[in-house]
């Protein structure tokens, strides 16, 4: 399912114009990105899941084709953790 499919689904189920739904979906995604990138805060959506920031420590990796080693610096990356109820619903 793409973002356009989500917008169409919401528009047909609520009767709201696609343009308005698109603006809300874009704002929702922007709010999540701002929280993770700028504020460094996790986003918790009860019953759905959490968008969290995970930290990766610095590590040494190997480039097999050139037979060299490189150092990958420590960095943060976004992750999604589904809610327990969401996981249980998927198992049904």
Protein backbone atom coordinates (compact mmCIF):
# COMPACT_ATOMS: atom_id res chain seq x y z
CA UNK A 1 0.00 0.00 0.00
CA UNK A 2 1.38 3.39 -0.99
CA UNK A 3 0.81 6.82 0.49
CA UNK A 4 -1.62 7.57 -2.37
CA UNK A 5 -3.56 4.39 -1.53
CA UNK A 6 -3.79 5.45 2.11
CA UNK A 7 -5.05 8.90 1.10
CA UNK A 8 -7.67 7.36 -1.21
CA UNK A 9 -8.81 4.92 1.48
CA UNK A 10 -9.22 7.66 4.09
CA UNK A 11 -10.96 9.99 1.63
CA UNK A 12 -13.52 7.36 0.60
CA UNK A 13 -14.21 6.15 4.15
CA UNK A 14 -14.61 9.65 5.65
CA UNK A 15 -15.98 11.64 2.72
CA UNK A 16 -13.26 14.29 3.15
CA UNK A 17 -11.65 15.72 0.00
CA UNK A 18 -8.42 14.03 -1.12
CA UNK A 19 -6.60 17.37 -1.03
CA UNK A 20 -7.46 17.83 2.65
CA UNK A 21 -6.62 14.24 3.54
CA UNK A 22 -3.31 14.56 1.70
CA UNK A 23 -2.43 17.67 3.72
CA UNK A 24 -3.22 15.87 6.99
CA UNK A 25 -1.20 12.78 6.06
CA UNK A 26 1.77 14.91 4.98
CA UNK A 27 1.57 16.94 8.22
CA UNK A 28 1.37 13.73 10.27
CA UNK A 29 4.49 12.30 8.64
CA UNK A 30 6.32 15.64 8.95
CA UNK A 31 5.45 15.81 12.68
CA UNK A 32 6.93 12.34 13.22
CA UNK A 33 10.10 13.22 11.30
CA UNK A 34 10.49 16.52 13.19
CA UNK A 35 10.10 14.75 16.52
CA UNK A 36 12.72 12.14 15.66
CA UNK A 37 15.21 14.37 13.83
CA UNK A 38 15.00 17.75 15.54
CA UNK A 39 13.73 17.04 19.05
CA UNK A 40 15.28 13.56 19.36
CA UNK A 41 12.00 12.34 20.92
CA UNK A 42 10.29 9.01 20.32
CA UNK A 43 6.70 8.97 19.02
CA UNK A 44 4.23 6.63 20.77
CA UNK A 45 0.93 5.76 19.08
CA UNK A 46 -1.01 3.61 21.55
CA UNK A 47 -2.46 0.48 19.97
CA UNK A 48 -0.39 0.93 16.80
CA UNK A 49 3.30 1.21 17.65
CA UNK A 50 6.23 3.45 18.39
CA UNK A 51 8.65 5.30 16.15
CA UNK A 52 11.87 5.19 18.12
CA UNK A 53 15.47 6.32 17.73
CA UNK A 54 18.05 3.55 17.96
CA UNK A 55 21.76 4.15 18.42
CA UNK A 56 24.44 2.17 16.65
CA UNK A 57 27.90 2.17 18.17
CA UNK A 58 31.05 2.72 16.12
CA UNK A 59 32.25 -0.46 14.46
CA UNK A 60 34.92 -1.76 12.13
CA UNK A 61 33.77 -3.29 8.85
CA UNK A 62 35.61 -5.02 6.04
CA UNK A 63 35.51 -4.30 2.34
CA UNK A 64 36.02 -7.81 1.00
CA UNK A 65 36.64 -6.82 -2.62
CA UNK A 66 39.51 -4.44 -1.73
CA UNK A 67 40.60 -6.36 1.40
CA UNK A 68 40.54 -3.23 3.56
CA UNK A 69 38.90 -2.28 6.81
CA UNK A 70 36.85 0.85 7.39
CA UNK A 71 35.44 2.42 10.51
CA UNK A 72 31.73 3.14 10.52
CA UNK A 73 31.05 5.99 12.95
CA UNK A 74 28.39 5.83 15.66
CA UNK A 75 25.01 7.03 14.43
CA UNK A 76 21.30 7.13 15.20
CA UNK A 77 18.60 5.69 12.96
CA UNK A 78 14.79 5.56 13.07
CA UNK A 79 12.98 2.33 13.86
CA UNK A 80 9.36 1.21 14.24
CA UNK A 81 8.24 -1.10 17.01
CA UNK A 82 4.65 -2.37 16.64
CA UNK A 83 2.36 -2.41 19.68
CA UNK A 84 1.74 -5.71 21.43
CA UNK A 85 -1.94 -5.67 20.39
CA UNK A 86 -0.92 -5.01 16.78
CA UNK A 87 1.40 -8.03 16.85
CA UNK A 88 -1.33 -10.21 18.37
CA UNK A 89 -3.79 -9.13 15.67
CA UNK A 90 -1.26 -10.07 12.97
CA UNK A 91 -0.96 -13.59 14.41
CA UNK A 92 -4.69 -14.26 13.99
